[in-house]
Amino acid sequence: MITSIETSRAANLSFLALNSIHQPRAIMIVALAASLLIAFTTAIELPIKVELGTVQSVAVKGTLMCNEEPAANVKVKLYDEEVTIDALLDEEFSNAQGQFELSGKKSEVSSIDPKINIYHKCSYTGICFKKISIEIPDEFISPGENATRVYDVGQLNLASKFSGESTTFGSDEFSAVICASSSFVLESMLVLFDCMPLRPGFISDFVFTNF
């Protein structure tokens, strides 16, 4: 939409171009062209969206159990794994039957690296959450906006031991606030509350882990 100021400026330029008979012809042409350019560029809006790479999509589903009972209201997040900060594609809580289904898409030059994080407290009494990460095989990555195949992780008993299982303060933005604390304060809190095994480099691992 053309504003009153822009309209006035365009009109003034046109007036000067048409009435300044003592000016060289080149200046008149430039002034007239400038007024038309202002009117044209402000009269329309051209949405410009630039995305690098190709759109890739993925979908995943599964059923969560806690021993013999369905694990309801468990947060599950779908990520595209990155070098620094993973990209969140989708998230939801498992339903009353422990079932979940997630899907998402992302533009990448190379192939995306999808995974799911599961945050639970099954057979765990600490103040933190247990976190399980599961990578999604490349053959379940589809080109385009919608996934053509769904990766079924099957039925998972969260009371079992999983490779790479860890603990975290939470599955939401509150965790990012904790990560922003100083290394000394964060390390002291984690050791105190048993939220991370004490080993070399665990602070940097914790900071660059998505929740």
Protein backbone atom coordinates (compact mmCIF):
# COMPACT_ATOMS: atom_id res chain seq x y z
CA MET A 1 0.00 0.00 0.00
CA ILE A 2 1.35 3.45 -0.91
CA THR A 3 1.66 5.76 2.06
CA SER A 4 0.77 9.46 1.87
CA ILE A 5 4.42 10.43 2.29
CA GLU A 6 5.54 8.15 -0.55
CA THR A 7 2.70 9.38 -2.77
CA SER A 8 3.64 12.98 -2.09
CA ARG A 9 7.31 12.28 -2.84
CA ALA A 10 6.43 10.57 -6.11
CA ALA A 11 4.14 13.44 -7.08
CA ASN A 12 6.82 16.04 -6.31
CA LEU A 13 9.38 14.19 -8.41
CA SER A 14 6.93 13.96 -11.30
CA PHE A 15 6.09 17.66 -10.96
CA LEU A 16 9.75 18.64 -11.01
CA ALA A 17 10.42 16.36 -13.97
CA LEU A 18 7.56 17.76 -16.05
CA ASN A 19 7.90 21.43 -15.13
CA SER A 20 11.65 21.99 -14.89
CA ILE A 21 12.00 23.01 -18.51
CA HIS A 22 15.35 24.67 -17.79
CA GLN A 23 16.90 21.39 -16.65
CA PRO A 24 18.69 19.10 -19.07
CA ARG A 25 16.58 16.38 -20.60
CA ALA A 26 18.63 13.64 -18.87
CA ILE A 27 17.78 14.98 -15.40
CA MET A 28 14.09 15.16 -16.30
CA ILE A 29 14.11 11.54 -17.46
CA VAL A 30 15.89 10.38 -14.29
CA ALA A 31 13.41 12.22 -12.06
CA LEU A 32 10.42 10.78 -13.89
CA ALA A 33 11.85 7.28 -13.78
CA ALA A 34 12.52 7.62 -10.05
CA SER A 35 8.94 8.68 -9.36
CA LEU A 36 7.56 5.73 -11.31
CA LEU A 37 9.91 3.34 -9.51
CA ILE A 38 8.79 4.57 -6.08
CA ALA A 39 5.13 4.23 -7.01
CA PHE A 40 5.65 0.72 -8.41
CA THR A 41 7.72 -0.69 -5.56
CA THR A 42 5.40 0.64 -2.86
CA ALA A 43 2.19 -0.38 -4.60
CA ILE A 44 2.99 -4.08 -4.57
CA GLU A 45 4.49 -6.50 -2.10
CA LEU A 46 6.50 -9.40 -3.44
CA PRO A 47 6.95 -12.21 -0.88
CA ILE A 48 10.52 -13.49 -1.12
CA LYS A 49 11.50 -16.74 0.59
CA VAL A 50 14.87 -18.29 -0.03
CA GLU A 51 15.55 -21.84 1.13
CA LEU A 52 18.79 -23.69 0.59
CA GLY A 53 18.77 -27.32 -0.43
CA THR A 54 15.77 -29.56 -0.99
CA VAL A 55 12.79 -30.23 1.26
CA GLN A 56 12.96 -33.57 3.06
CA SER A 57 10.37 -35.08 5.35
CA VAL A 58 10.16 -37.81 7.95
CA ALA A 59 7.51 -39.50 10.09
CA VAL A 60 7.81 -41.76 13.13
CA LYS A 61 5.47 -43.57 15.50
CA GLY A 62 5.63 -45.95 18.42
CA THR A 63 4.13 -47.16 21.68
CA LEU A 64 5.65 -46.42 25.09
CA MET A 65 5.24 -48.71 28.08
CA CYS A 66 6.34 -48.43 31.69
CA ASN A 67 6.73 -52.04 32.76
CA GLU A 68 3.28 -53.50 32.05
CA GLU A 69 1.38 -50.21 31.83
CA PRO A 70 1.06 -47.75 28.92
CA ALA A 71 3.32 -44.72 29.44
CA ALA A 72 0.91 -41.81 28.98
CA ASN A 73 1.81 -38.10 28.85
CA VAL A 74 5.44 -38.74 27.95
CA LYS A 75 7.06 -35.95 25.95
CA VAL A 76 8.52 -37.05 22.59
CA LYS A 77 10.38 -34.66 20.28
CA LEU A 78 11.45 -35.09 16.66
CA TYR A 79 14.74 -33.40 15.75
CA ASP A 80 17.03 -32.95 12.79
CA GLU A 81 20.45 -33.50 14.34
CA GLU A 82 22.91 -30.68 13.67
CA VAL A 83 26.55 -30.01 14.55
CA THR A 84 25.61 -27.44 17.21
CA ILE A 85 21.91 -26.89 17.95
CA ASP A 86 19.49 -29.54 16.71
CA ALA A 87 16.41 -28.34 14.81
CA LEU A 88 13.05 -29.21 16.36
CA LEU A 89 10.64 -30.59 13.74
CA ASP A 90 7.70 -31.76 15.87
CA GLU A 91 6.74 -32.69 19.44
CA GLU A 92 3.83 -34.17 21.39
CA PHE A 93 2.87 -36.16 24.47
CA SER A 94 2.01 -39.83 24.22
CA ASN A 95 -1.70 -40.59 24.53
CA ALA A 96 -3.48 -42.70 27.14
CA GLN A 97 -2.39 -45.87 25.33
CA GLY A 98 1.23 -44.70 25.26
CA GLN A 99 1.12 -44.11 21.52
CA PHE A 100 2.76 -41.21 19.67
CA GLU A 101 3.17 -40.17 16.04
CA LEU A 102 5.34 -37.30 14.83
CA SER A 103 6.24 -35.87 11.44
CA GLY A 104 8.25 -32.95 10.14
CA LYS A 105 10.18 -31.50 7.23
CA LYS A 106 13.30 -29.45 6.66
CA SER A 107 15.32 -28.05 3.76
CA GLU A 108 18.91 -29.26 3.65
CA VAL A 109 21.67 -29.37 1.05
CA SER A 110 22.69 -32.79 2.34
CA SER A 111 20.50 -35.49 3.85
CA ILE A 112 18.78 -34.65 7.14
CA ASP A 113 19.63 -36.66 10.26
CA PRO A 114 16.34 -37.22 12.08
CA LYS A 115 16.04 -38.60 15.60
CA ILE A 116 13.54 -38.64 18.43
CA ASN A 117 14.16 -37.78 22.08
CA ILE A 118 11.92 -39.36 24.71
CA TYR A 119 11.74 -37.75 28.17
CA HIS A 120 10.29 -39.92 30.92
CA LYS A 121 10.35 -40.79 34.63
CA CYS A 122 9.45 -44.46 34.40
CA SER A 123 11.07 -46.35 37.31
CA TYR A 124 13.01 -43.20 38.16
CA THR A 125 12.48 -41.14 41.31
CA GLY A 126 14.98 -38.31 40.73
CA ILE A 127 13.96 -34.71 40.08
CA CYS A 128 15.25 -34.94 36.52
CA PHE A 129 14.00 -36.81 33.45
CA LYS A 130 15.50 -39.83 31.77
CA LYS A 131 16.23 -39.11 28.09
CA ILE A 132 16.33 -41.73 25.33
CA SER A 133 17.48 -40.82 21.81
CA ILE A 134 16.61 -42.98 18.81
CA GLU A 135 17.97 -42.30 15.32
CA ILE A 136 15.70 -42.75 12.32
CA PRO A 137 17.22 -44.74 9.41
CA ASP A 138 17.97 -42.91 6.16
CA GLU A 139 15.58 -45.09 4.16
CA PHE A 140 12.65 -43.47 6.00
CA ILE A 141 13.60 -39.97 4.79
CA SER A 142 11.32 -38.86 1.95
CA PRO A 143 11.85 -36.09 -0.61
CA GLY A 144 9.16 -33.42 -0.59
CA GLU A 145 6.72 -31.95 1.89
CA ASN A 146 5.11 -35.17 3.11
CA ALA A 147 6.71 -38.38 4.31
CA THR A 148 5.79 -41.43 2.24
CA ARG A 149 6.95 -43.92 4.89
CA VAL A 150 6.54 -44.00 8.66
CA TYR A 151 9.31 -45.37 10.86
CA ASP A 152 7.75 -47.57 13.58
CA VAL A 153 10.00 -47.86 16.62
CA GLY A 154 7.64 -50.52 17.95
CA GLN A 155 6.78 -50.98 21.61
CA LEU A 156 9.38 -49.57 24.00
CA ASN A 157 9.50 -50.44 27.68
CA LEU A 158 10.93 -47.28 29.25
CA ALA A 159 11.93 -49.24 32.37
CA SER A 160 14.59 -51.01 30.30
CA LYS A 161 18.17 -49.82 29.90
CA PHE A 162 18.90 -48.08 26.59
CA SER A 163 22.23 -47.39 24.97
CA GLY A 164 23.17 -43.72 25.35
CA GLU A 165 20.42 -43.08 27.90
CA SER A 166 21.05 -39.93 29.95
CA THR A 167 19.31 -37.58 32.36
CA THR A 168 18.28 -33.97 31.85
CA PHE A 169 16.60 -31.21 33.82
CA GLY A 170 13.58 -31.18 31.54
CA SER A 171 12.16 -31.26 28.04
CA ASP A 172 11.17 -27.61 27.69
CA GLU A 173 12.65 -24.13 27.54
CA PHE A 174 13.45 -24.13 31.27
CA SER A 175 16.42 -26.37 30.47
CA ALA A 176 17.91 -23.66 28.28
CA VAL A 177 17.89 -21.29 31.26
CA ILE A 178 19.81 -23.85 33.29
CA CYS A 179 22.32 -24.24 30.46
CA ALA A 180 22.91 -20.48 30.44
CA SER A 181 24.22 -20.62 34.03
CA SER A 182 27.93 -20.50 34.69
CA SER A 183 29.86 -23.76 34.33
CA PHE A 184 30.71 -23.84 38.03
CA VAL A 185 27.10 -23.39 39.18
CA LEU A 186 25.77 -25.81 36.56
CA GLU A 187 28.31 -28.50 37.42
CA SER A 188 27.56 -28.19 41.12
CA MET A 189 23.81 -28.52 40.53
CA LEU A 190 24.17 -31.49 38.22
CA VAL A 191 26.40 -33.40 40.62
CA LEU A 192 24.15 -32.54 43.57
CA PHE A 193 20.96 -33.72 41.88
CA ASP A 194 22.53 -36.65 40.03
CA CYS A 195 21.44 -35.26 36.67
CA MET A 196 24.60 -36.18 34.77
CA PRO A 197 27.47 -38.61 35.35
CA LEU A 198 30.64 -36.87 36.45
CA ARG A 199 33.13 -37.30 33.62
CA PRO A 200 35.48 -35.06 31.60
CA GLY A 201 33.66 -32.85 29.14
CA PHE A 202 30.17 -33.51 30.43
CA ILE A 203 29.44 -29.79 30.81
CA SER A 204 30.00 -29.10 27.11
CA ASP A 205 28.00 -32.22 26.21
CA PHE A 206 25.12 -31.01 28.36
CA VAL A 207 25.12 -27.48 26.91
CA PHE A 208 25.04 -28.69 23.31
CA THR A 209 22.38 -31.35 23.93
CA ASN A 210 18.81 -30.44 22.95
CA PHE A 211 15.99 -30.95 25.37
